[in-house]
Amino acid sequence: VCAVLEIAVDRARREIRQKLVPHLYQSGVKYAKQNASACAFRTPLDVFKRKQGDCKQLVLWRIAELREAGEDAKPRIMWIADKKGLRAHAQVRRGNGTIEDPSALLGMRAP
């Protein structure tokens, strides 16, 4: 997941650099749970047009905007075991080591 996300960050950074999308937290975008069988990496522009994104899509956008601002942000994958089995949840590891969860900030209930 992290390797694919890293590839998508370059395209996302171009969209941010070209000002095709606002800042994630001012965009009006909300977290939306993705179908477990789907694995789509959408760019910030796609997410902005849909007005919703899953954890990977929100993390992609946030990492791209942080890197554009000069911060060394990276994806962090947290594995969650629950009644439905094992699933991944993406978060952002900020340059200072703190963890940021765009999904939680944009409407996701606790994983």
N, C-alpha and C. Protein backbone atom coordinates (compact mmCIF):
# COMPACT_ATOMS: atom_id res chain seq x y z
N VAL A 1 0.83 -1.18 0.00
CA VAL A 1 0.00 0.00 0.00
C VAL A 1 0.88 1.25 0.00
N CYS A 2 1.90 1.28 0.85
CA CYS A 2 2.77 2.45 0.93
C CYS A 2 3.50 2.72 -0.38
N ALA A 3 3.96 1.67 -1.05
CA ALA A 3 4.70 1.85 -2.30
C ALA A 3 3.80 2.45 -3.38
N VAL A 4 2.58 1.98 -3.50
CA VAL A 4 1.65 2.51 -4.49
C VAL A 4 1.29 3.95 -4.14
N LEU A 5 1.09 4.21 -2.86
CA LEU A 5 0.77 5.56 -2.42
C LEU A 5 1.89 6.53 -2.79
N GLU A 6 3.13 6.10 -2.60
CA GLU A 6 4.27 6.95 -2.93
C GLU A 6 4.29 7.32 -4.42
N ILE A 7 3.95 6.39 -5.27
CA ILE A 7 3.91 6.66 -6.71
C ILE A 7 2.85 7.71 -7.01
N ALA A 8 1.70 7.62 -6.35
CA ALA A 8 0.59 8.54 -6.59
C ALA A 8 0.86 9.94 -6.03
N VAL A 9 1.77 10.08 -5.07
CA VAL A 9 2.03 11.38 -4.46
C VAL A 9 2.55 12.39 -5.48
N ASP A 10 3.38 11.98 -6.41
CA ASP A 10 3.91 12.92 -7.40
C ASP A 10 2.80 13.59 -8.21
N ARG A 11 1.85 12.81 -8.67
CA ARG A 11 0.73 13.38 -9.43
C ARG A 11 -0.10 14.31 -8.54
N ALA A 12 -0.31 13.88 -7.31
CA ALA A 12 -1.08 14.71 -6.37
C ALA A 12 -0.37 16.04 -6.11
N ARG A 13 0.95 16.00 -6.00
CA ARG A 13 1.71 17.24 -5.78
C ARG A 13 1.56 18.19 -6.96
N ARG A 14 1.51 17.65 -8.17
CA ARG A 14 1.32 18.50 -9.35
C ARG A 14 -0.03 19.21 -9.28
N GLU A 15 -1.07 18.49 -8.88
CA GLU A 15 -2.40 19.09 -8.77
C GLU A 15 -2.42 20.20 -7.72
N ILE A 16 -1.74 19.98 -6.63
CA ILE A 16 -1.67 20.98 -5.56
C ILE A 16 -0.86 22.18 -6.03
N ARG A 17 0.27 21.93 -6.66
CA ARG A 17 1.13 23.00 -7.17
C ARG A 17 0.38 23.87 -8.18
N GLN A 18 -0.46 23.24 -8.99
CA GLN A 18 -1.24 23.97 -10.00
C GLN A 18 -2.50 24.61 -9.41
N LYS A 19 -2.69 24.44 -8.10
CA LYS A 19 -3.84 25.01 -7.38
C LYS A 19 -5.18 24.53 -7.96
N LEU A 20 -5.21 23.24 -8.32
CA LEU A 20 -6.45 22.64 -8.82
C LEU A 20 -7.39 22.25 -7.69
N VAL A 21 -6.85 22.19 -6.48
CA VAL A 21 -7.65 21.84 -5.30
C VAL A 21 -7.28 22.77 -4.14
N PRO A 22 -8.23 23.02 -3.23
CA PRO A 22 -7.90 23.81 -2.04
C PRO A 22 -7.17 22.93 -1.01
N HIS A 23 -6.82 23.52 0.11
CA HIS A 23 -6.25 22.78 1.23
C HIS A 23 -7.26 21.70 1.64
N LEU A 24 -6.79 20.50 1.94
CA LEU A 24 -7.67 19.38 2.26
C LEU A 24 -8.71 19.75 3.31
N TYR A 25 -8.29 20.35 4.41
CA TYR A 25 -9.21 20.60 5.51
C TYR A 25 -10.16 21.77 5.26
N GLN A 26 -9.96 22.52 4.18
CA GLN A 26 -10.90 23.57 3.79
C GLN A 26 -11.69 23.19 2.53
N SER A 27 -11.54 21.96 2.07
CA SER A 27 -12.11 21.53 0.79
C SER A 27 -13.58 21.12 0.85
N GLY A 28 -14.08 20.84 2.04
CA GLY A 28 -15.44 20.32 2.16
C GLY A 28 -15.54 18.82 1.96
N VAL A 29 -14.41 18.18 1.71
CA VAL A 29 -14.36 16.72 1.52
C VAL A 29 -14.57 16.03 2.86
N LYS A 30 -15.28 14.93 2.84
CA LYS A 30 -15.53 14.13 4.03
C LYS A 30 -15.00 12.72 3.83
N TYR A 31 -14.73 12.05 4.94
CA TYR A 31 -14.32 10.65 4.89
C TYR A 31 -15.51 9.80 4.46
N ALA A 32 -15.26 8.82 3.61
CA ALA A 32 -16.26 7.82 3.22
C ALA A 32 -15.58 6.47 3.19
N LYS A 33 -16.17 5.52 3.87
CA LYS A 33 -15.62 4.16 3.90
C LYS A 33 -15.68 3.58 2.49
N GLN A 34 -14.59 2.95 2.10
CA GLN A 34 -14.52 2.33 0.77
C GLN A 34 -14.95 0.88 0.84
N ASN A 35 -15.53 0.42 -0.21
CA ASN A 35 -15.88 -0.99 -0.33
C ASN A 35 -14.61 -1.81 -0.12
N ALA A 36 -14.69 -2.83 0.70
CA ALA A 36 -13.52 -3.64 1.04
C ALA A 36 -12.87 -4.30 -0.17
N SER A 37 -13.62 -4.56 -1.22
CA SER A 37 -13.05 -5.21 -2.40
C SER A 37 -12.41 -4.22 -3.37
N ALA A 38 -12.60 -2.93 -3.14
CA ALA A 38 -12.03 -1.91 -4.03
C ALA A 38 -10.70 -1.43 -3.48
N CYS A 39 -9.83 -1.01 -4.38
CA CYS A 39 -8.54 -0.47 -3.96
C CYS A 39 -8.16 0.64 -4.94
N ALA A 40 -8.86 1.75 -4.85
CA ALA A 40 -8.64 2.84 -5.81
C ALA A 40 -7.83 3.96 -5.16
N PHE A 41 -6.77 4.37 -5.82
CA PHE A 41 -6.02 5.55 -5.41
C PHE A 41 -6.48 6.68 -6.30
N ARG A 42 -7.29 7.57 -5.76
CA ARG A 42 -7.79 8.71 -6.52
C ARG A 42 -6.94 9.93 -6.17
N THR A 43 -6.74 10.78 -7.17
CA THR A 43 -5.97 12.00 -6.95
C THR A 43 -6.81 12.98 -6.15
N PRO A 44 -6.18 14.01 -5.57
CA PRO A 44 -6.95 15.02 -4.85
C PRO A 44 -8.06 15.64 -5.69
N LEU A 45 -7.81 15.90 -6.97
CA LEU A 45 -8.83 16.49 -7.82
C LEU A 45 -10.04 15.56 -7.95
N ASP A 46 -9.80 14.26 -8.12
CA ASP A 46 -10.91 13.30 -8.18
C ASP A 46 -11.69 13.28 -6.86
N VAL A 47 -10.97 13.27 -5.75
CA VAL A 47 -11.61 13.24 -4.43
C VAL A 47 -12.40 14.54 -4.21
N PHE A 48 -11.83 15.66 -4.60
CA PHE A 48 -12.50 16.95 -4.45
C PHE A 48 -13.81 16.98 -5.25
N LYS A 49 -13.77 16.48 -6.46
CA LYS A 49 -14.98 16.45 -7.28
C LYS A 49 -16.05 15.54 -6.67
N ARG A 50 -15.64 14.45 -6.07
CA ARG A 50 -16.58 13.51 -5.43
C ARG A 50 -17.04 13.99 -4.06
N LYS A 51 -16.27 14.89 -3.46
CA LYS A 51 -16.54 15.42 -2.12
C LYS A 51 -16.40 14.38 -1.02
N GLN A 52 -15.71 13.28 -1.33
CA GLN A 52 -15.46 12.25 -0.32
C GLN A 52 -14.27 11.39 -0.74
N GLY A 53 -13.64 10.80 0.26
CA GLY A 53 -12.52 9.91 -0.01
C GLY A 53 -12.30 8.96 1.15
N ASP A 54 -11.64 7.84 0.86
CA ASP A 54 -11.32 6.89 1.92
C ASP A 54 -9.98 7.27 2.55
N CYS A 55 -9.52 6.47 3.48
CA CYS A 55 -8.31 6.82 4.22
C CYS A 55 -7.09 6.97 3.30
N LYS A 56 -6.94 6.08 2.32
CA LYS A 56 -5.78 6.17 1.42
C LYS A 56 -5.81 7.45 0.60
N GLN A 57 -6.98 7.79 0.10
CA GLN A 57 -7.12 8.97 -0.74
C GLN A 57 -6.88 10.26 0.05
N LEU A 58 -7.38 10.31 1.28
CA LEU A 58 -7.18 11.49 2.12
C LEU A 58 -5.71 11.62 2.55
N VAL A 59 -5.08 10.50 2.85
CA VAL A 59 -3.67 10.51 3.22
C VAL A 59 -2.81 10.94 2.03
N LEU A 60 -3.12 10.46 0.87
CA LEU A 60 -2.39 10.85 -0.35
C LEU A 60 -2.44 12.37 -0.51
N TRP A 61 -3.61 12.95 -0.42
CA TRP A 61 -3.78 14.40 -0.55
C TRP A 61 -2.98 15.14 0.52
N ARG A 62 -3.12 14.70 1.77
CA ARG A 62 -2.45 15.39 2.87
C ARG A 62 -0.94 15.30 2.77
N ILE A 63 -0.41 14.13 2.43
CA ILE A 63 1.04 13.99 2.28
C ILE A 63 1.54 14.89 1.15
N ALA A 64 0.82 14.92 0.05
CA ALA A 64 1.23 15.75 -1.09
C ALA A 64 1.27 17.22 -0.69
N GLU A 65 0.26 17.70 0.04
CA GLU A 65 0.28 19.11 0.40
C GLU A 65 1.35 19.42 1.44
N LEU A 66 1.61 18.50 2.35
CA LEU A 66 2.69 18.71 3.32
C LEU A 66 4.05 18.72 2.64
N ARG A 67 4.26 17.81 1.70
CA ARG A 67 5.54 17.80 0.97
C ARG A 67 5.71 19.05 0.13
N GLU A 68 4.63 19.54 -0.46
CA GLU A 68 4.71 20.79 -1.22
C GLU A 68 5.12 21.95 -0.32
N ALA A 69 4.76 21.85 0.96
CA ALA A 69 5.12 22.89 1.94
C ALA A 69 6.52 22.66 2.52
N GLY A 70 7.20 21.59 2.06
CA GLY A 70 8.57 21.33 2.50
C GLY A 70 8.71 20.36 3.65
N GLU A 71 7.62 19.73 4.06
CA GLU A 71 7.68 18.79 5.19
C GLU A 71 7.86 17.36 4.68
N ASP A 72 8.66 16.59 5.38
CA ASP A 72 8.93 15.20 5.01
C ASP A 72 7.87 14.28 5.62
N ALA A 73 6.65 14.33 5.09
CA ALA A 73 5.56 13.48 5.58
C ALA A 73 5.59 12.14 4.85
N LYS A 74 5.16 11.11 5.56
CA LYS A 74 5.17 9.75 5.00
C LYS A 74 3.86 9.04 5.35
N PRO A 75 3.49 8.03 4.55
CA PRO A 75 2.31 7.24 4.93
C PRO A 75 2.64 6.31 6.09
N ARG A 76 1.63 6.05 6.89
CA ARG A 76 1.74 5.08 7.99
C ARG A 76 0.52 4.17 7.87
N ILE A 77 0.75 2.88 7.83
CA ILE A 77 -0.34 1.92 7.74
C ILE A 77 -0.52 1.27 9.11
N MET A 78 -1.74 1.35 9.61
CA MET A 78 -2.09 0.75 10.88
C MET A 78 -2.99 -0.45 10.57
N TRP A 79 -2.69 -1.59 11.14
CA TRP A 79 -3.49 -2.79 10.92
C TRP A 79 -4.48 -2.95 12.06
N ILE A 80 -5.74 -3.18 11.72
CA ILE A 80 -6.81 -3.28 12.70
C ILE A 80 -7.47 -4.64 12.58
N ALA A 81 -7.56 -5.33 13.71
CA ALA A 81 -8.26 -6.62 13.75
C ALA A 81 -9.61 -6.38 14.43
N ASP A 82 -10.68 -6.77 13.74
CA ASP A 82 -12.01 -6.65 14.31
C ASP A 82 -12.86 -7.84 13.89
N LYS A 83 -14.17 -7.75 14.12
CA LYS A 83 -15.07 -8.86 13.79
C LYS A 83 -15.03 -9.23 12.31
N LYS A 84 -14.68 -8.26 11.47
CA LYS A 84 -14.66 -8.50 10.02
C LYS A 84 -13.32 -9.02 9.53
N GLY A 85 -12.35 -9.13 10.43
CA GLY A 85 -11.03 -9.62 10.04
C GLY A 85 -9.96 -8.56 10.19
N LEU A 86 -8.92 -8.68 9.41
CA LEU A 86 -7.79 -7.76 9.45
C LEU A 86 -7.92 -6.76 8.31
N ARG A 87 -7.79 -5.47 8.64
CA ARG A 87 -7.88 -4.44 7.60
C ARG A 87 -6.83 -3.36 7.86
N ALA A 88 -6.48 -2.66 6.81
CA ALA A 88 -5.48 -1.60 6.90
C ALA A 88 -6.16 -0.24 7.01
N HIS A 89 -5.52 0.66 7.73
CA HIS A 89 -5.97 2.05 7.83
C HIS A 89 -4.77 2.94 7.64
N ALA A 90 -4.86 3.90 6.71
CA ALA A 90 -3.74 4.79 6.40
C ALA A 90 -3.81 6.07 7.23
N GLN A 91 -2.65 6.49 7.68
CA GLN A 91 -2.49 7.74 8.43
C GLN A 91 -1.25 8.45 7.89
N VAL A 92 -0.99 9.64 8.41
CA VAL A 92 0.18 10.43 8.00
C VAL A 92 1.16 10.50 9.16
N ARG A 93 2.43 10.18 8.87
CA ARG A 93 3.51 10.42 9.85
C ARG A 93 4.14 11.74 9.45
N ARG A 94 3.93 12.77 10.30
CA ARG A 94 4.45 14.10 10.02
C ARG A 94 5.97 14.11 10.17
N GLY A 95 6.60 15.12 9.65
CA GLY A 95 8.05 15.25 9.72
C GLY A 95 8.60 15.24 11.13
N ASN A 96 7.80 15.70 12.10
CA ASN A 96 8.26 15.74 13.49
C ASN A 96 7.96 14.44 14.24
N GLY A 97 7.41 13.43 13.51
CA GLY A 97 7.14 12.13 14.11
C GLY A 97 5.72 11.94 14.63
N THR A 98 4.94 13.01 14.70
CA THR A 98 3.56 12.87 15.16
C THR A 98 2.71 12.21 14.08
N ILE A 99 1.61 11.61 14.51
CA ILE A 99 0.70 10.93 13.60
C ILE A 99 -0.54 11.78 13.42
N GLU A 100 -0.93 11.97 12.18
CA GLU A 100 -2.14 12.72 11.83
C GLU A 100 -3.08 11.78 11.10
N ASP A 101 -4.34 11.83 11.44
CA ASP A 101 -5.33 10.96 10.81
C ASP A 101 -6.39 11.80 10.09
N PRO A 102 -6.18 12.11 8.80
CA PRO A 102 -7.15 12.92 8.06
C PRO A 102 -8.55 12.34 8.06
N SER A 103 -8.66 11.01 8.05
CA SER A 103 -9.98 10.38 8.05
C SER A 103 -10.74 10.72 9.32
N ALA A 104 -10.07 10.64 10.46
CA ALA A 104 -10.72 10.96 11.73
C ALA A 104 -11.10 12.44 11.78
N LEU A 105 -10.25 13.28 11.24
CA LEU A 105 -10.53 14.72 11.24
C LEU A 105 -11.66 15.09 10.27
N LEU A 106 -11.94 14.20 9.31
CA LEU A 106 -12.96 14.48 8.30
C LEU A 106 -14.18 13.55 8.41
N GLY A 107 -14.43 13.04 9.61
CA GLY A 107 -15.70 12.37 9.84
C GLY A 107 -15.69 10.89 10.13
N MET A 108 -14.55 10.22 10.10
CA MET A 108 -14.54 8.79 10.38
C MET A 108 -14.69 8.55 11.87
N ARG A 109 -15.49 7.58 12.21
CA ARG A 109 -15.56 7.16 13.61
C ARG A 109 -14.31 6.35 13.94
N ALA A 110 -14.01 6.19 15.19
CA ALA A 110 -12.80 5.49 15.63
C ALA A 110 -12.65 4.14 14.91
N PRO A 111 -11.43 3.87 14.38
CA PRO A 111 -11.20 2.60 13.67
C PRO A 111 -11.33 1.40 14.58
